[in-house]
C-alpha atoms as a PDB file:
ATOM      1  CA  UNK A   1       8.627  14.312  -1.953  1.00  0.00           C
ATOM      2  CA  UNK A   2       6.090  14.738   0.627  1.00  0.00           C
ATOM      3  CA  UNK A   3       5.758  11.255   1.468  1.00  0.00           C
ATOM      4  CA  UNK A   4       7.479   8.028   0.507  1.00  0.00           C
ATOM      5  CA  UNK A   5       5.952   4.913   1.262  1.00  0.00           C
ATOM      6  CA  UNK A   6       8.455   1.959   1.669  1.00  0.00           C
ATOM      7  CA  UNK A   7       8.050  -1.925   1.708  1.00  0.00           C
ATOM      8  CA  UNK A   8       7.890  -2.295   5.660  1.00  0.00           C
ATOM      9  CA  UNK A   9       5.215   0.297   6.329  1.00  0.00           C
ATOM     10  CA  UNK A  10       1.717  -1.192   7.222  1.00  0.00           C
ATOM     11  CA  UNK A  11      -1.242  -1.033   5.069  1.00  0.00           C
ATOM     12  CA  UNK A  12      -2.687   1.737   7.605  1.00  0.00           C
ATOM     13  CA  UNK A  13      -0.107   3.995   7.649  1.00  0.00           C
ATOM     14  CA  UNK A  14      -0.354   4.338   3.824  1.00  0.00           C
ATOM     15  CA  UNK A  15      -3.923   4.626   3.863  1.00  0.00           C
ATOM     16  CA  UNK A  16      -3.242   7.542   6.081  1.00  0.00           C
ATOM     17  CA  UNK A  17      -0.971   9.354   4.137  1.00  0.00           C
ATOM     18  CA  UNK A  18      -2.975  10.035   1.147  1.00  0.00           C
ATOM     19  CA  UNK A  19      -6.731   9.148   0.071  1.00  0.00           C
ATOM     20  CA  UNK A  20      -5.622   8.444  -3.329  1.00  0.00           C
ATOM     21  CA  UNK A  21      -3.443   5.381  -1.976  1.00  0.00           C
ATOM     22  CA  UNK A  22      -7.121   3.359  -1.206  1.00  0.00           C
ATOM     23  CA  UNK A  23      -7.540   3.807  -5.024  1.00  0.00           C
ATOM     24  CA  UNK A  24      -4.078   2.699  -5.851  1.00  0.00           C
ATOM     25  CA  UNK A  25      -4.467  -0.429  -3.576  1.00  0.00           C
ATOM     26  CA  UNK A  26      -7.640  -1.386  -5.040  1.00  0.00           C
ATOM     27  CA  UNK A  27      -5.762  -1.545  -8.339  1.00  0.00           C
ATOM     28  CA  UNK A  28      -3.918  -4.053  -7.395  1.00  0.00           C
ATOM     29  CA  UNK A  29      -6.676  -5.986  -6.121  1.00  0.00           C
ATOM     30  CA  UNK A  30      -6.358  -5.125  -1.909  1.00  0.00           C
ATOM     31  CA  UNK A  31      -9.331  -5.056  -0.114  1.00  0.00           C
ATOM     32  CA  UNK A  32      -7.468  -2.969   2.606  1.00  0.00           C
ATOM     33  CA  UNK A  33      -9.895  -0.445   4.174  1.00  0.00           C
ATOM     34  CA  UNK A  34     -11.954  -3.817   5.727  1.00  0.00           C
ATOM     35  CA  UNK A  35      -9.105  -6.007   6.243  1.00  0.00           C
ATOM     36  CA  UNK A  36      -8.301  -6.509  10.337  1.00  0.00           C
ATOM     37  CA  UNK A  37      -4.577  -6.939   8.968  1.00  0.00           C
ATOM     38  CA  UNK A  38      -4.617  -3.994   7.339  1.00  0.00           C
ATOM     39  CA  UNK A  39      -3.208  -2.160  10.987  1.00  0.00           C
ATOM     40  CA  UNK A  40      -0.193  -4.904  11.462  1.00  0.00           C
ATOM     41  CA  UNK A  41       0.330  -6.073   7.542  1.00  0.00           C
ATOM     42  CA  UNK A  42       3.449  -4.249   6.084  1.00  0.00           C
ATOM     43  CA  UNK A  43       2.896  -3.604   2.021  1.00  0.00           C
ATOM     44  CA  UNK A  44       5.568  -6.412   1.031  1.00  0.00           C
ATOM     45  CA  UNK A  45       3.808  -9.306   3.776  1.00  0.00           C
ATOM     46  CA  UNK A  46       0.620  -8.139   1.744  1.00  0.00           C
ATOM     47  CA  UNK A  47       2.039  -8.014  -1.528  1.00  0.00           C
ATOM     48  CA  UNK A  48       3.898 -11.162  -1.091  1.00  0.00           C
ATOM     49  CA  UNK A  49       0.083 -12.820   0.297  1.00  0.00           C
ATOM     50  CA  UNK A  50      -1.473 -11.750  -2.676  1.00  0.00           C
ATOM     51  CA  UNK A  51       1.472 -12.765  -5.578  1.00  0.00           C
ATOM     52  CA  UNK A  52       2.155  -9.137  -6.234  1.00  0.00           C
ATOM     53  CA  UNK A  53       5.491  -7.790  -7.121  1.00  0.00           C
ATOM     54  CA  UNK A  54       6.300  -5.246  -4.331  1.00  0.00           C
ATOM     55  CA  UNK A  55       8.220  -2.821  -6.370  1.00  0.00           C
ATOM     56  CA  UNK A  56       5.192  -2.213  -8.786  1.00  0.00           C
ATOM     57  CA  UNK A  57       3.294  -1.633  -6.164  1.00  0.00           C
ATOM     58  CA  UNK A  58       5.741   0.813  -4.481  1.00  0.00           C
ATOM     59  CA  UNK A  59       5.995   2.784  -7.656  1.00  0.00           C
ATOM     60  CA  UNK A  60       2.509   3.225  -7.991  1.00  0.00           C
ATOM     61  CA  UNK A  61       1.797   4.347  -4.351  1.00  0.00           C
ATOM     62  CA  UNK A  62       5.052   6.473  -4.497  1.00  0.00           C
ATOM     63  CA  UNK A  63       3.505   8.398  -7.844  1.00  0.00           C
ATOM     64  CA  UNK A  64       0.956   9.905  -5.987  1.00  0.00           C
ATOM     65  CA  UNK A  65       3.688  12.056  -4.164  1.00  0.00           C
ATOM     66  CA  UNK A  66       5.686  12.939  -7.552  1.00  0.00           C
END
């Protein structure tokens, strides 16, 4: 797999990996592109803050690289 996204990665790191990651984040109602916290907040922190299942989010994000 070209990339593997983990729960400890920041939103900024994830968005830099592939343009389609933004679409997945938007699908989960995460407006990370304009969020100041995207550089420092991990996927797990963001998922918890928004009441999302981190495993579902990771599955959708990593599907980009399959």
